[in-house]
Amino acid sequence: MMKKCMCAPAKISGLLVFVGGLNWGLVGAGMLFGSMHDMSWNLVHMLLGRWMWAEAVVYLIVGVAAIAMLFGCKCSKCASCCVAESGSAKM
């Protein structure tokens, strides 16, 4: 869940991880319900399949965003958001 008080990089990372998760979900659904040889439900490959380097860059950016979310943002805006949220949870 994205918080309104998060910084822009944290929101972008969250969005990229969400889109990456949806793409992997579609890949799995395509493998279960579609034929792997006839069609692929990988949206990144559908959109950028002609440019292998661009496809690799997208996967790399999504991976970096996932790592950034794993460690969390340490900026003052996100830190104050977490403090405000934890303070309201105690009430």
PDB file of N, CA and C in Angstrom:
ATOM      1  N   MET A   1       0.843  -1.176   0.000  1.00  0.00           N
ATOM      2  CA  MET A   1       0.000   0.000   0.000  1.00  0.00           C
ATOM      3  C   MET A   1       0.890   1.240   0.000  1.00  0.00           C
ATOM      4  N   MET A   2       0.641   2.125  -0.946  1.00  0.00           N
ATOM      5  CA  MET A   2       1.433   3.349  -1.017  1.00  0.00           C
ATOM      6  C   MET A   2       0.818   4.407  -0.123  1.00  0.00           C
ATOM      7  N   LYS A   3       1.677   5.061   0.643  1.00  0.00           N
ATOM      8  CA  LYS A   3       1.237   6.119   1.532  1.00  0.00           C
ATOM      9  C   LYS A   3       1.363   7.451   0.810  1.00  0.00           C
ATOM     10  N   LYS A   4       0.486   8.374   1.145  1.00  0.00           N
ATOM     11  CA  LYS A   4       0.510   9.684   0.500  1.00  0.00           C
ATOM     12  C   LYS A   4       1.751  10.479   0.853  1.00  0.00           C
ATOM     13  N   CYS A   5       2.324  10.222   2.031  1.00  0.00           N
ATOM     14  CA  CYS A   5       3.451  11.046   2.477  1.00  0.00           C
ATOM     15  C   CYS A   5       4.804  10.461   2.049  1.00  0.00           C
ATOM     16  N   MET A   6       4.817   9.466   1.197  1.00  0.00           N
ATOM     17  CA  MET A   6       6.087   8.888   0.728  1.00  0.00           C
ATOM     18  C   MET A   6       6.725   9.799  -0.312  1.00  0.00           C
ATOM     19  N   CYS A   7       8.051   9.711  -0.446  1.00  0.00           N
ATOM     20  CA  CYS A   7       8.765  10.509  -1.449  1.00  0.00           C
ATOM     21  C   CYS A   7       8.532   9.906  -2.847  1.00  0.00           C
ATOM     22  N   ALA A   8       8.835  10.684  -3.860  1.00  0.00           N
ATOM     23  CA  ALA A   8       8.601  10.251  -5.240  1.00  0.00           C
ATOM     24  C   ALA A   8       9.386   8.981  -5.609  1.00  0.00           C
ATOM     25  N   PRO A   9      10.678   8.849  -5.261  1.00  0.00           N
ATOM     26  CA  PRO A   9      11.382   7.604  -5.592  1.00  0.00           C
ATOM     27  C   PRO A   9      10.754   6.362  -4.949  1.00  0.00           C
ATOM     28  N   ALA A  10      10.267   6.508  -3.715  1.00  0.00           N
ATOM     29  CA  ALA A  10       9.628   5.368  -3.048  1.00  0.00           C
ATOM     30  C   ALA A  10       8.328   4.999  -3.750  1.00  0.00           C
ATOM     31  N   LYS A  11       7.564   6.005  -4.184  1.00  0.00           N
ATOM     32  CA  LYS A  11       6.318   5.736  -4.914  1.00  0.00           C
ATOM     33  C   LYS A  11       6.606   5.080  -6.263  1.00  0.00           C
ATOM     34  N   ILE A  12       7.638   5.554  -6.953  1.00  0.00           N
ATOM     35  CA  ILE A  12       8.002   4.980  -8.252  1.00  0.00           C
ATOM     36  C   ILE A  12       8.470   3.542  -8.076  1.00  0.00           C
ATOM     37  N   SER A  13       9.261   3.288  -7.036  1.00  0.00           N
ATOM     38  CA  SER A  13       9.706   1.911  -6.764  1.00  0.00           C
ATOM     39  C   SER A  13       8.520   1.004  -6.501  1.00  0.00           C
ATOM     40  N   GLY A  14       7.575   1.473  -5.721  1.00  0.00           N
ATOM     41  CA  GLY A  14       6.375   0.687  -5.442  1.00  0.00           C
ATOM     42  C   GLY A  14       5.579   0.390  -6.699  1.00  0.00           C
ATOM     43  N   LEU A  15       5.448   1.389  -7.552  1.00  0.00           N
ATOM     44  CA  LEU A  15       4.717   1.199  -8.808  1.00  0.00           C
ATOM     45  C   LEU A  15       5.431   0.200  -9.718  1.00  0.00           C
ATOM     46  N   LEU A  16       6.758   0.317  -9.810  1.00  0.00           N
ATOM     47  CA  LEU A  16       7.516  -0.614 -10.658  1.00  0.00           C
ATOM     48  C   LEU A  16       7.432  -2.047 -10.152  1.00  0.00           C
ATOM     49  N   VAL A  17       7.507  -2.235  -8.839  1.00  0.00           N
ATOM     50  CA  VAL A  17       7.401  -3.580  -8.277  1.00  0.00           C
ATOM     51  C   VAL A  17       5.987  -4.124  -8.494  1.00  0.00           C
ATOM     52  N   PHE A  18       4.980  -3.289  -8.379  1.00  0.00           N
ATOM     53  CA  PHE A  18       3.603  -3.702  -8.631  1.00  0.00           C
ATOM     54  C   PHE A  18       3.427  -4.143 -10.081  1.00  0.00           C
ATOM     55  N   VAL A  19       3.912  -3.338 -11.017  1.00  0.00           N
ATOM     56  CA  VAL A  19       3.808  -3.679 -12.442  1.00  0.00           C
ATOM     57  C   VAL A  19       4.609  -4.952 -12.747  1.00  0.00           C
ATOM     58  N   GLY A  20       5.794  -5.080 -12.144  1.00  0.00           N
ATOM     59  CA  GLY A  20       6.594  -6.291 -12.337  1.00  0.00           C
ATOM     60  C   GLY A  20       5.887  -7.527 -11.804  1.00  0.00           C
ATOM     61  N   GLY A  21       5.238  -7.385 -10.652  1.00  0.00           N
ATOM     62  CA  GLY A  21       4.472  -8.497 -10.101  1.00  0.00           C
ATOM     63  C   GLY A  21       3.304  -8.895 -10.992  1.00  0.00           C
ATOM     64  N   LEU A  22       2.616  -7.899 -11.533  1.00  0.00           N
ATOM     65  CA  LEU A  22       1.526  -8.200 -12.470  1.00  0.00           C
ATOM     66  C   LEU A  22       2.051  -8.909 -13.713  1.00  0.00           C
ATOM     67  N   ASN A  23       3.197  -8.480 -14.212  1.00  0.00           N
ATOM     68  CA  ASN A  23       3.775  -9.115 -15.394  1.00  0.00           C
ATOM     69  C   ASN A  23       4.106 -10.581 -15.106  1.00  0.00           C
ATOM     70  N   TRP A  24       4.722 -10.855 -13.947  1.00  0.00           N
ATOM     71  CA  TRP A  24       5.037 -12.239 -13.594  1.00  0.00           C
ATOM     72  C   TRP A  24       3.768 -13.055 -13.396  1.00  0.00           C
ATOM     73  N   GLY A  25       2.725 -12.435 -12.849  1.00  0.00           N
ATOM     74  CA  GLY A  25       1.438 -13.126 -12.722  1.00  0.00           C
ATOM     75  C   GLY A  25       0.868 -13.506 -14.076  1.00  0.00           C
ATOM     76  N   LEU A  26       0.990 -12.599 -15.031  1.00  0.00           N
ATOM     77  CA  LEU A  26       0.518 -12.895 -16.388  1.00  0.00           C
ATOM     78  C   LEU A  26       1.357 -13.981 -17.052  1.00  0.00           C
ATOM     79  N   VAL A  27       2.663 -13.973 -16.806  1.00  0.00           N
ATOM     80  CA  VAL A  27       3.529 -15.031 -17.348  1.00  0.00           C
ATOM     81  C   VAL A  27       3.083 -16.382 -16.803  1.00  0.00           C
ATOM     82  N   GLY A  28       2.831 -16.457 -15.496  1.00  0.00           N
ATOM     83  CA  GLY A  28       2.374 -17.704 -14.895  1.00  0.00           C
ATOM     84  C   GLY A  28       1.011 -18.126 -15.413  1.00  0.00           C
ATOM     85  N   ALA A  29       0.089 -17.174 -15.542  1.00  0.00           N
ATOM     86  CA  ALA A  29      -1.241 -17.495 -16.071  1.00  0.00           C
ATOM     87  C   ALA A  29      -1.147 -17.960 -17.516  1.00  0.00           C
ATOM     88  N   GLY A  30      -0.263 -17.335 -18.281  1.00  0.00           N
ATOM     89  CA  GLY A  30      -0.084 -17.760 -19.670  1.00  0.00           C
ATOM     90  C   GLY A  30       0.467 -19.165 -19.761  1.00  0.00           C
ATOM     91  N   MET A  31       1.341 -19.520 -18.829  1.00  0.00           N
ATOM     92  CA  MET A  31       1.894 -20.874 -18.827  1.00  0.00           C
ATOM     93  C   MET A  31       0.833 -21.897 -18.434  1.00  0.00           C
ATOM     94  N   LEU A  32      -0.068 -21.535 -17.519  1.00  0.00           N
ATOM     95  CA  LEU A  32      -1.104 -22.470 -17.088  1.00  0.00           C
ATOM     96  C   LEU A  32      -2.259 -22.576 -18.074  1.00  0.00           C
ATOM     97  N   PHE A  33      -2.714 -21.449 -18.579  1.00  0.00           N
ATOM     98  CA  PHE A  33      -3.924 -21.434 -19.390  1.00  0.00           C
ATOM     99  C   PHE A  33      -3.677 -21.340 -20.889  1.00  0.00           C
ATOM    100  N   GLY A  34      -2.525 -20.867 -21.273  1.00  0.00           N
ATOM    101  CA  GLY A  34      -2.202 -20.747 -22.691  1.00  0.00           C
ATOM    102  C   GLY A  34      -1.155 -21.769 -23.064  1.00  0.00           C
ATOM    103  N   SER A  35      -0.818 -21.752 -24.294  1.00  0.00           N
ATOM    104  CA  SER A  35       0.246 -22.641 -24.749  1.00  0.00           C
ATOM    105  C   SER A  35       1.544 -21.852 -24.759  1.00  0.00           C
ATOM    106  N   MET A  36       2.582 -22.409 -24.152  1.00  0.00           N
ATOM    107  CA  MET A  36       3.865 -21.706 -24.087  1.00  0.00           C
ATOM    108  C   MET A  36       4.452 -21.487 -25.476  1.00  0.00           C
ATOM    109  N   HIS A  37       4.130 -22.358 -26.416  1.00  0.00           N
ATOM    110  CA  HIS A  37       4.721 -22.255 -27.747  1.00  0.00           C
ATOM    111  C   HIS A  37       3.929 -21.315 -28.649  1.00  0.00           C
ATOM    112  N   ASP A  38       2.635 -21.196 -28.408  1.00  0.00           N
ATOM    113  CA  ASP A  38       1.807 -20.386 -29.285  1.00  0.00           C
ATOM    114  C   ASP A  38       1.789 -18.915 -28.904  1.00  0.00           C
ATOM    115  N   MET A  39       1.739 -18.626 -27.600  1.00  0.00           N
ATOM    116  CA  MET A  39       1.702 -17.222 -27.198  1.00  0.00           C
ATOM    117  C   MET A  39       2.296 -17.051 -25.817  1.00  0.00           C
ATOM    118  N   SER A  40       2.812 -15.874 -25.582  1.00  0.00           N
ATOM    119  CA  SER A  40       3.375 -15.531 -24.294  1.00  0.00           C
ATOM    120  C   SER A  40       2.593 -14.352 -23.734  1.00  0.00           C
ATOM    121  N   TRP A  41       2.317 -14.384 -22.453  1.00  0.00           N
ATOM    122  CA  TRP A  41       1.604 -13.284 -21.830  1.00  0.00           C
ATOM    123  C   TRP A  41       2.565 -12.335 -21.127  1.00  0.00           C
ATOM    124  N   ASN A  42       3.820 -12.347 -21.507  1.00  0.00           N
ATOM    125  CA  ASN A  42       4.825 -11.458 -20.941  1.00  0.00           C
ATOM    126  C   ASN A  42       4.693 -10.102 -21.629  1.00  0.00           C
ATOM    127  N   LEU A  43       4.117  -9.136 -20.911  1.00  0.00           N
ATOM    128  CA  LEU A  43       3.847  -7.827 -21.522  1.00  0.00           C
ATOM    129  C   LEU A  43       5.119  -7.079 -21.892  1.00  0.00           C
ATOM    130  N   VAL A  44       6.162  -7.218 -21.083  1.00  0.00           N
ATOM    131  CA  VAL A  44       7.417  -6.531 -21.392  1.00  0.00           C
ATOM    132  C   VAL A  44       7.979  -7.059 -22.713  1.00  0.00           C
ATOM    133  N   HIS A  45       7.931  -8.362 -22.887  1.00  0.00           N
ATOM    134  CA  HIS A  45       8.423  -8.948 -24.138  1.00  0.00           C
ATOM    135  C   HIS A  45       7.522  -8.567 -25.315  1.00  0.00           C
ATOM    136  N   MET A  46       6.205  -8.514 -25.078  1.00  0.00           N
ATOM    137  CA  MET A  46       5.278  -8.105 -26.149  1.00  0.00           C
ATOM    138  C   MET A  46       5.576  -6.686 -26.626  1.00  0.00           C
ATOM    139  N   LEU A  47       5.863  -5.799 -25.665  1.00  0.00           N
ATOM    140  CA  LEU A  47       6.092  -4.401 -26.009  1.00  0.00           C
ATOM    141  C   LEU A  47       7.507  -4.128 -26.522  1.00  0.00           C
ATOM    142  N   LEU A  48       8.490  -4.827 -25.982  1.00  0.00           N
ATOM    143  CA  LEU A  48       9.886  -4.503 -26.286  1.00  0.00           C
ATOM    144  C   LEU A  48      10.667  -5.672 -26.873  1.00  0.00           C
ATOM    145  N   GLY A  49       9.986  -6.694 -27.348  1.00  0.00           N
ATOM    146  CA  GLY A  49      10.648  -7.903 -27.821  1.00  0.00           C
ATOM    147  C   GLY A  49      11.643  -7.684 -28.942  1.00  0.00           C
ATOM    148  N   ARG A  50      11.422  -6.677 -29.746  1.00  0.00           N
ATOM    149  CA  ARG A  50      12.356  -6.396 -30.846  1.00  0.00           C
ATOM    150  C   ARG A  50      13.661  -5.796 -30.343  1.00  0.00           C
ATOM    151  N   TRP A  51      13.583  -5.153 -29.205  1.00  0.00           N
ATOM    152  CA  TRP A  51      14.764  -4.506 -28.624  1.00  0.00           C
ATOM    153  C   TRP A  51      15.143  -5.252 -27.352  1.00  0.00           C
ATOM    154  N   MET A  52      15.967  -6.263 -27.503  1.00  0.00           N
ATOM    155  CA  MET A  52      16.354  -7.097 -26.369  1.00  0.00           C
ATOM    156  C   MET A  52      17.031  -6.273 -25.271  1.00  0.00           C
ATOM    157  N   TRP A  53      17.826  -5.292 -25.643  1.00  0.00           N
ATOM    158  CA  TRP A  53      18.526  -4.462 -24.672  1.00  0.00           C
ATOM    159  C   TRP A  53      17.532  -3.654 -23.845  1.00  0.00           C
ATOM    160  N   ALA A  54      16.456  -3.143 -24.479  1.00  0.00           N
ATOM    161  CA  ALA A  54      15.456  -2.361 -23.753  1.00  0.00           C
ATOM    162  C   ALA A  54      14.684  -3.255 -22.785  1.00  0.00           C
ATOM    163  N   GLU A  55      14.397  -4.476 -23.214  1.00  0.00           N
ATOM    164  CA  GLU A  55      13.721  -5.437 -22.343  1.00  0.00           C
ATOM    165  C   GLU A  55      14.589  -5.739 -21.122  1.00  0.00           C
ATOM    166  N   ALA A  56      15.887  -5.927 -21.339  1.00  0.00           N
ATOM    167  CA  ALA A  56      16.803  -6.197 -20.236  1.00  0.00           C
ATOM    168  C   ALA A  56      16.883  -5.003 -19.285  1.00  0.00           C
ATOM    169  N   VAL A  57      16.863  -3.789 -19.817  1.00  0.00           N
ATOM    170  CA  VAL A  57      16.911  -2.583 -18.981  1.00  0.00           C
ATOM    171  C   VAL A  57      15.660  -2.495 -18.110  1.00  0.00           C
ATOM    172  N   VAL A  58      14.496  -2.811 -18.675  1.00  0.00           N
ATOM    173  CA  VAL A  58      13.254  -2.781 -17.891  1.00  0.00           C
ATOM    174  C   VAL A  58      13.338  -3.780 -16.742  1.00  0.00           C
ATOM    175  N   TYR A  59      13.783  -5.001 -17.024  1.00  0.00           N
ATOM    176  CA  TYR A  59      13.912  -6.007 -15.969  1.00  0.00           C
ATOM    177  C   TYR A  59      14.910  -5.557 -14.910  1.00  0.00           C
ATOM    178  N   LEU A  60      15.987  -4.935 -15.316  1.00  0.00           N
ATOM    179  CA  LEU A  60      16.993  -4.449 -14.380  1.00  0.00           C
ATOM    180  C   LEU A  60      16.424  -3.345 -13.487  1.00  0.00           C
ATOM    181  N   ILE A  61      15.680  -2.418 -14.065  1.00  0.00           N
ATOM    182  CA  ILE A  61      15.090  -1.320 -13.296  1.00  0.00           C
ATOM    183  C   ILE A  61      14.082  -1.856 -12.286  1.00  0.00           C
ATOM    184  N   VAL A  62      13.265  -2.822 -12.686  1.00  0.00           N
ATOM    185  CA  VAL A  62      12.294  -3.417 -11.761  1.00  0.00           C
ATOM    186  C   VAL A  62      13.026  -4.142 -10.629  1.00  0.00           C
ATOM    187  N   GLY A  63      14.113  -4.821 -10.946  1.00  0.00           N
ATOM    188  CA  GLY A  63      14.901  -5.496  -9.914  1.00  0.00           C
ATOM    189  C   GLY A  63      15.525  -4.519  -8.934  1.00  0.00           C
ATOM    190  N   VAL A  64      16.051  -3.424  -9.425  1.00  0.00           N
ATOM    191  CA  VAL A  64      16.628  -2.390  -8.553  1.00  0.00           C
ATOM    192  C   VAL A  64      15.538  -1.787  -7.668  1.00  0.00           C
ATOM    193  N   ALA A  65      14.346  -1.584  -8.230  1.00  0.00           N
ATOM    194  CA  ALA A  65      13.234  -1.046  -7.440  1.00  0.00           C
ATOM    195  C   ALA A  65      12.847  -2.016  -6.329  1.00  0.00           C
ATOM    196  N   ALA A  66      12.869  -3.311  -6.615  1.00  0.00           N
ATOM    197  CA  ALA A  66      12.546  -4.310  -5.594  1.00  0.00           C
ATOM    198  C   ALA A  66      13.578  -4.292  -4.473  1.00  0.00           C
ATOM    199  N   ILE A  67      14.845  -4.163  -4.825  1.00  0.00           N
ATOM    200  CA  ILE A  67      15.900  -4.087  -3.807  1.00  0.00           C
ATOM    201  C   ILE A  67      15.742  -2.816  -2.983  1.00  0.00           C
ATOM    202  N   ALA A  68      15.409  -1.710  -3.637  1.00  0.00           N
ATOM    203  CA  ALA A  68      15.199  -0.451  -2.914  1.00  0.00           C
ATOM    204  C   ALA A  68      14.034  -0.587  -1.933  1.00  0.00           C
ATOM    205  N   MET A  69      12.970  -1.270  -2.340  1.00  0.00           N
ATOM    206  CA  MET A  69      11.839  -1.460  -1.433  1.00  0.00           C
ATOM    207  C   MET A  69      12.192  -2.403  -0.288  1.00  0.00           C
ATOM    208  N   LEU A  70      13.054  -3.356  -0.558  1.00  0.00           N
ATOM    209  CA  LEU A  70      13.466  -4.302   0.476  1.00  0.00           C
ATOM    210  C   LEU A  70      14.177  -3.580   1.621  1.00  0.00           C
ATOM    211  N   PHE A  71      15.034  -2.632   1.279  1.00  0.00           N
ATOM    212  CA  PHE A  71      15.773  -1.883   2.296  1.00  0.00           C
ATOM    213  C   PHE A  71      14.997  -0.687   2.812  1.00  0.00           C
ATOM    214  N   GLY A  72      14.016  -0.229   2.082  1.00  0.00           N
ATOM    215  CA  GLY A  72      13.214   0.908   2.502  1.00  0.00           C
ATOM    216  C   GLY A  72      13.914   2.226   2.251  1.00  0.00           C
ATOM    217  N   CYS A  73      13.141   3.261   2.181  1.00  0.00           N
ATOM    218  CA  CYS A  73      13.676   4.600   1.944  1.00  0.00           C
ATOM    219  C   CYS A  73      14.051   5.233   3.282  1.00  0.00           C
ATOM    220  N   LYS A  74      15.187   5.874   3.322  1.00  0.00           N
ATOM    221  CA  LYS A  74      15.689   6.492   4.563  1.00  0.00           C
ATOM    222  C   LYS A  74      15.598   8.020   4.532  1.00  0.00           C
ATOM    223  N   CYS A  75      14.889   8.579   3.544  1.00  0.00           N
ATOM    224  CA  CYS A  75      14.808  10.038   3.464  1.00  0.00           C
ATOM    225  C   CYS A  75      13.936  10.585   4.592  1.00  0.00           C
ATOM    226  N   SER A  76      14.042  11.865   4.832  1.00  0.00           N
ATOM    227  CA  SER A  76      13.316  12.476   5.949  1.00  0.00           C
ATOM    228  C   SER A  76      11.803  12.431   5.737  1.00  0.00           C
ATOM    229  N   LYS A  77      11.349  12.539   4.495  1.00  0.00           N
ATOM    230  CA  LYS A  77       9.910  12.516   4.224  1.00  0.00           C
ATOM    231  C   LYS A  77       9.316  11.153   4.560  1.00  0.00           C
ATOM    232  N   CYS A  78       9.970  10.083   4.121  1.00  0.00           N
ATOM    233  CA  CYS A  78       9.470   8.734   4.411  1.00  0.00           C
ATOM    234  C   CYS A  78       9.621   8.400   5.889  1.00  0.00           C
ATOM    235  N   ALA A  79      10.705   8.875   6.516  1.00  0.00           N
ATOM    236  CA  ALA A  79      10.913   8.621   7.943  1.00  0.00           C
ATOM    237  C   ALA A  79       9.828   9.290   8.771  1.00  0.00           C
ATOM    238  N   SER A  80       9.474  10.527   8.436  1.00  0.00           N
ATOM    239  CA  SER A  80       8.418  11.217   9.178  1.00  0.00           C
ATOM    240  C   SER A  80       7.066  10.564   8.940  1.00  0.00           C
ATOM    241  N   CYS A  81       6.869  10.009   7.779  1.00  0.00           N
ATOM    242  CA  CYS A  81       5.632   9.300   7.465  1.00  0.00           C
ATOM    243  C   CYS A  81       5.505   8.060   8.348  1.00  0.00           C
ATOM    244  N   CYS A  82       6.600   7.324   8.494  1.00  0.00           N
ATOM    245  CA  CYS A  82       6.592   6.110   9.323  1.00  0.00           C
ATOM    246  C   CYS A  82       6.379   6.452  10.788  1.00  0.00           C
ATOM    247  N   VAL A  83       6.989   7.538  11.259  1.00  0.00           N
ATOM    248  CA  VAL A  83       6.836   7.948  12.656  1.00  0.00           C
ATOM    249  C   VAL A  83       5.399   8.368  12.906  1.00  0.00           C
ATOM    250  N   ALA A  84       4.805   9.134  11.998  1.00  0.00           N
ATOM    251  CA  ALA A  84       3.432   9.577  12.143  1.00  0.00           C
ATOM    252  C   ALA A  84       2.472   8.391  12.127  1.00  0.00           C
ATOM    253  N   GLU A  85       2.753   7.418  11.272  1.00  0.00           N
ATOM    254  CA  GLU A  85       1.893   6.249  11.171  1.00  0.00           C
ATOM    255  C   GLU A  85       1.972   5.387  12.427  1.00  0.00           C
ATOM    256  N   SER A  86       3.181   5.186  12.957  1.00  0.00           N
ATOM    257  CA  SER A  86       3.336   4.370  14.164  1.00  0.00           C
ATOM    258  C   SER A  86       2.762   5.071  15.379  1.00  0.00           C
ATOM    259  N   GLY A  87       2.814   6.392  15.407  1.00  0.00           N
ATOM    260  CA  GLY A  87       2.230   7.140  16.518  1.00  0.00           C
ATOM    261  C   GLY A  87       0.722   7.070  16.519  1.00  0.00           C
ATOM    262  N   SER A  88       0.088   7.083  15.344  1.00  0.00           N
ATOM    263  CA  SER A  88      -1.355   6.999  15.266  1.00  0.00           C
ATOM    264  C   SER A  88      -1.860   5.584  15.520  1.00  0.00           C
ATOM    265  N   ALA A  89      -0.996   4.585  15.290  1.00  0.00           N
ATOM    266  CA  ALA A  89      -1.399   3.198  15.516  1.00  0.00           C
ATOM    267  C   ALA A  89      -1.487   2.887  17.007  1.00  0.00           C
ATOM    268  N   LYS A  90      -0.737   3.620  17.850  1.00  0.00           N
ATOM    269  CA  LYS A  90      -0.745   3.368  19.286  1.00  0.00           C
ATOM    270  C   LYS A  90      -1.987   3.927  19.959  1.00  0.00           C
ATOM    271  N   MET A  91      -2.638   4.872  19.306  1.00  0.00           N
ATOM    272  CA  MET A  91      -3.806   5.516  19.921  1.00  0.00           C
ATOM    273  C   MET A  91      -5.020   4.673  19.831  1.00  0.00           C
TER     274      MET A  91
END
